[in-house]
Protein backbone atom coordinates (compact mmCIF):
# COMPACT_ATOMS: atom_id res chain seq x y z
CA MET A 1 70.42 95.24 143.81
CA THR A 2 71.96 94.28 147.07
CA ASP A 3 72.90 90.84 148.23
CA SER A 4 70.62 89.59 150.96
CA PRO A 5 72.07 87.72 153.90
CA LEU A 6 70.43 84.49 152.52
CA THR A 7 72.26 84.83 149.26
CA LEU A 8 75.63 85.43 150.94
CA HIS A 9 75.04 82.50 153.28
CA ARG A 10 74.27 80.23 150.38
CA ALA A 11 77.31 81.42 148.48
CA THR A 12 79.62 80.65 151.35
CA LEU A 13 78.09 77.20 152.15
CA CYS A 14 77.70 76.09 148.55
CA SER A 15 80.89 77.13 146.98
CA GLY A 16 83.46 74.85 145.49
CA PRO A 17 83.86 72.38 142.57
CA GLU A 18 81.37 69.85 144.12
CA TYR A 19 78.54 72.38 144.04
CA SER A 20 77.04 73.50 140.83
CA ASP A 21 73.83 74.77 139.39
CA GLU A 22 73.13 71.21 138.02
CA MET A 23 70.98 68.94 140.29
CA ASP A 24 72.61 65.73 141.49
CA ILE A 25 71.00 62.36 142.28
CA SER A 26 70.39 63.17 145.93
CA GLY A 27 68.56 66.36 145.00
CA VAL A 28 66.39 64.37 142.55
CA ALA A 29 65.73 61.80 145.31
CA SER A 30 64.82 64.48 147.71
CA ILE A 31 62.32 66.09 145.38
CA ILE A 32 60.78 62.64 144.40
CA GLY A 33 60.51 61.85 148.10
CA ALA A 34 58.84 65.21 148.90
CA LEU A 35 56.32 64.50 146.16
CA GLY A 36 55.41 61.12 147.51
CA ILE A 37 56.60 59.37 144.38
CA GLY A 38 59.52 57.83 146.20
CA SER A 39 57.27 55.89 148.49
CA PHE A 40 55.19 54.62 145.56
CA ALA A 41 58.27 53.53 143.66
CA GLY A 42 59.70 51.88 146.79
CA GLN A 43 56.47 49.98 147.39
CA TYR A 44 56.39 48.85 143.75
CA LEU A 45 59.92 47.59 143.87
CA ILE A 46 59.28 45.72 147.14
CA GLY A 47 56.02 44.44 145.91
CA SER A 48 57.62 43.02 142.78
CA GLN A 49 60.15 41.19 144.86
CA GLN A 50 57.33 39.75 147.02
CA ARG A 51 55.41 38.67 143.90
CA ARG A 52 58.49 36.83 142.60
CA GLN A 53 58.80 35.01 145.94
CA LEU A 54 55.07 34.07 145.88
CA ARG A 55 55.41 32.72 142.36
CA SER A 56 58.49 30.68 143.23
CA ASP A 57 56.42 29.09 146.13
CA VAL A 58 53.74 28.05 143.57
CA LEU A 59 56.49 26.47 141.34
CA ARG A 60 57.99 24.61 144.36
CA TYR A 61 54.61 23.17 145.40
CA LEU A 62 53.83 22.34 141.73
CA ALA A 63 56.99 20.23 141.61
CA ILE A 64 56.15 18.50 144.87
CA THR A 65 52.65 17.68 143.55
CA GLU A 66 54.15 16.33 140.37
CA ARG A 67 56.36 14.00 142.33
CA THR A 68 53.51 12.80 144.58
CA ARG A 69 50.92 12.19 141.77
CA TRP A 70 52.32 8.71 141.17
CA ALA A 71 51.40 5.74 143.35
CA GLY A 72 53.70 2.82 143.78
CA ALA A 73 53.99 -0.54 145.45
CA SER A 74 57.07 0.23 147.57
CA SER A 75 56.97 1.81 150.98
CA SER A 76 59.13 4.72 149.81
CA ASP A 77 56.44 5.86 147.28
CA SER A 78 54.31 8.73 148.26
CA SER A 79 51.00 8.10 150.01
CA PHE A 80 47.66 9.56 148.86
CA GLN A 81 47.73 11.82 151.96
CA GLN A 82 51.07 13.25 150.93
CA PHE A 83 49.50 13.96 147.50
CA LYS A 84 46.49 15.71 149.15
CA ASP A 85 48.86 17.77 151.28
CA SER A 86 50.82 18.87 148.28
CA ILE A 87 47.55 19.86 146.50
CA ARG A 88 46.56 21.88 149.55
CA GLU A 89 49.98 23.65 149.63
CA LEU A 90 49.86 24.34 145.99
CA GLU A 91 46.38 25.77 146.26
CA THR A 92 47.32 27.98 149.21
CA ALA A 93 50.43 29.33 147.38
CA ALA A 94 48.36 29.89 144.17
CA ILE A 95 45.66 31.86 146.03
CA ILE A 96 48.27 34.08 147.67
CA ALA A 97 50.10 34.58 144.39
CA ARG A 98 46.82 35.31 142.54
CA VAL A 99 47.14 32.58 140.03
CA PRO A 100 44.09 32.49 137.68
CA ARG A 101 41.59 29.87 138.77
CA ARG A 102 40.96 28.00 135.60
CA PRO A 103 44.47 26.71 134.90
CA LEU A 104 45.02 25.84 138.58
CA ARG A 105 41.70 23.97 138.77
CA LEU A 106 42.44 22.16 135.50
CA TYR A 107 45.84 21.03 136.80
CA ILE A 108 44.46 19.93 140.18
CA GLN A 109 41.61 18.02 138.50
CA LEU A 110 43.94 16.22 136.09
CA ALA A 111 46.61 15.50 138.63
CA THR A 112 44.00 14.12 140.98
CA ALA A 113 42.53 11.95 138.23
CA ALA A 114 46.02 10.64 137.41
CA ARG A 115 46.73 9.86 141.05
CA LEU A 116 43.46 8.06 141.42
CA MET A 117 44.19 5.98 138.27
CA SER A 118 47.74 5.29 139.55
CA ASP A 119 46.33 4.11 142.86
CA ASP A 120 43.82 1.87 141.06
CA ASP A 121 46.62 0.38 138.97
CA VAL A 122 48.55 -0.48 142.09
CA GLU A 123 45.51 -2.25 143.52
CA GLN A 124 44.83 -4.16 140.35
CA LYS A 125 48.42 -5.28 139.88
CA ASP A 126 48.62 -6.29 143.57
CA GLY A 127 51.87 -4.66 144.32
CA GLN A 128 53.88 -5.58 141.21
CA GLU A 129 56.98 -3.44 140.62
CA GLU A 130 55.55 -1.81 137.46
CA ALA A 131 52.24 -0.97 139.15
CA GLY A 132 51.07 2.70 139.37
CA GLY A 133 50.92 3.55 135.66
CA ILE A 134 48.45 5.92 134.19
CA ASN A 135 47.02 6.58 130.71
CA THR A 136 49.66 8.04 128.47
CA VAL A 137 47.41 10.76 127.01
CA LEU A 138 46.21 11.71 130.56
CA GLY A 139 49.75 11.90 131.69
CA ARG A 140 50.61 14.20 128.74
CA SER A 141 47.64 16.35 129.61
CA VAL A 142 48.68 16.64 133.21
CA ARG A 143 52.16 17.69 132.09
CA LEU A 144 50.68 20.25 129.61
CA SER A 145 48.55 21.69 132.37
CA ALA A 146 51.52 21.86 134.78
CA ALA A 147 53.53 23.58 132.01
CA GLN A 148 50.80 26.14 131.62
CA LEU A 149 50.87 26.89 135.36
CA SER A 150 54.64 27.10 135.23
CA ARG A 151 54.50 29.55 132.32
CA LEU A 152 52.05 31.73 134.25
CA MET A 153 54.58 31.96 137.09
CA TRP A 154 57.53 32.82 134.81
CA SER A 155 55.84 35.52 132.68
CA PRO A 156 52.38 36.14 134.12
CA TRP A 157 51.18 38.87 131.71
CA LEU A 158 52.39 37.08 128.51
CA ALA A 159 51.11 33.74 129.48
CA ARG A 160 47.58 35.08 130.34
CA ALA A 161 47.18 35.98 126.74
CA GLY A 162 46.59 32.46 125.41
CA MET A 163 45.62 30.90 128.78
CA LYS A 164 41.87 30.36 128.03
CA ARG A 165 42.68 28.85 124.58
CA ARG A 166 45.33 26.47 125.93
CA ALA A 167 43.08 25.36 128.91
CA SER A 168 40.26 24.65 126.47
CA ALA A 169 42.45 22.60 124.22
CA ILE A 170 43.64 20.42 127.19
CA GLU A 171 40.07 20.02 128.42
CA ARG A 172 38.88 18.89 124.92
CA GLU A 173 41.73 16.45 124.64
CA VAL A 174 40.87 14.85 127.94
CA GLN A 175 37.13 14.71 127.14
CA GLY A 176 38.00 12.82 123.97
CA LEU A 177 39.87 10.01 125.88
CA ASP A 178 38.38 6.62 126.79
CA GLU A 179 35.59 6.24 129.37
CA GLU A 180 37.89 5.20 132.15
CA VAL A 181 39.96 8.48 131.96
CA VAL A 182 36.82 10.65 131.67
CA SER A 183 35.34 8.83 134.63
CA ALA A 184 38.56 9.46 136.63
CA VAL A 185 38.48 13.18 135.76
CA ASP A 186 34.81 13.42 136.69
CA LYS A 187 35.56 11.65 139.97
CA ALA A 188 38.41 14.03 140.62
CA LYS A 189 36.08 17.03 140.05
CA GLN A 190 33.77 15.70 142.85
CA PHE A 191 36.70 14.78 145.10
CA HIS A 192 37.99 18.29 145.66
CA THR A 193 36.51 21.62 146.35
CA TYR A 194 38.33 24.43 144.60
CA TYR A 195 38.73 28.07 145.65
């Protein structure tokens, strides 16, 4: 068997200790790219980074909404318009991040009910310093609902496992409260349209 010109050419170009019969990383990357797998893996990695950014936006707007859901007598306290704006931003970020509807809707309903009750308390106490309080159990339910949303952002697939059960438990707890709270929640449901 005679050496072909191609074999001789390869032998002269690819000789030395840095060249061997074993495939290096660049060779593997070239093959993966040629098969189209590289673009898929790249898109997946870029997509996961974008999903993390979207989830962090939801967490940021959730924190803003939590801060604005309390009314107060002083001029430095957030207005109802600021609360509505924070809800709108939270909803927008949640839609883009593909947050499940039920826990988002539950949080928005409960936060809105808490804000409405806080506003009513400010009006009833006519600007007193301690004005703006809400029912303790409703406040706990809002925090549980916010925690559920937060859990969905930190570990979306694990948190989805018990999501329905946790949302149902929060809803049952709220429906078992006094009439004033249930009325505020019902009013909050009518107040806002959800996606």
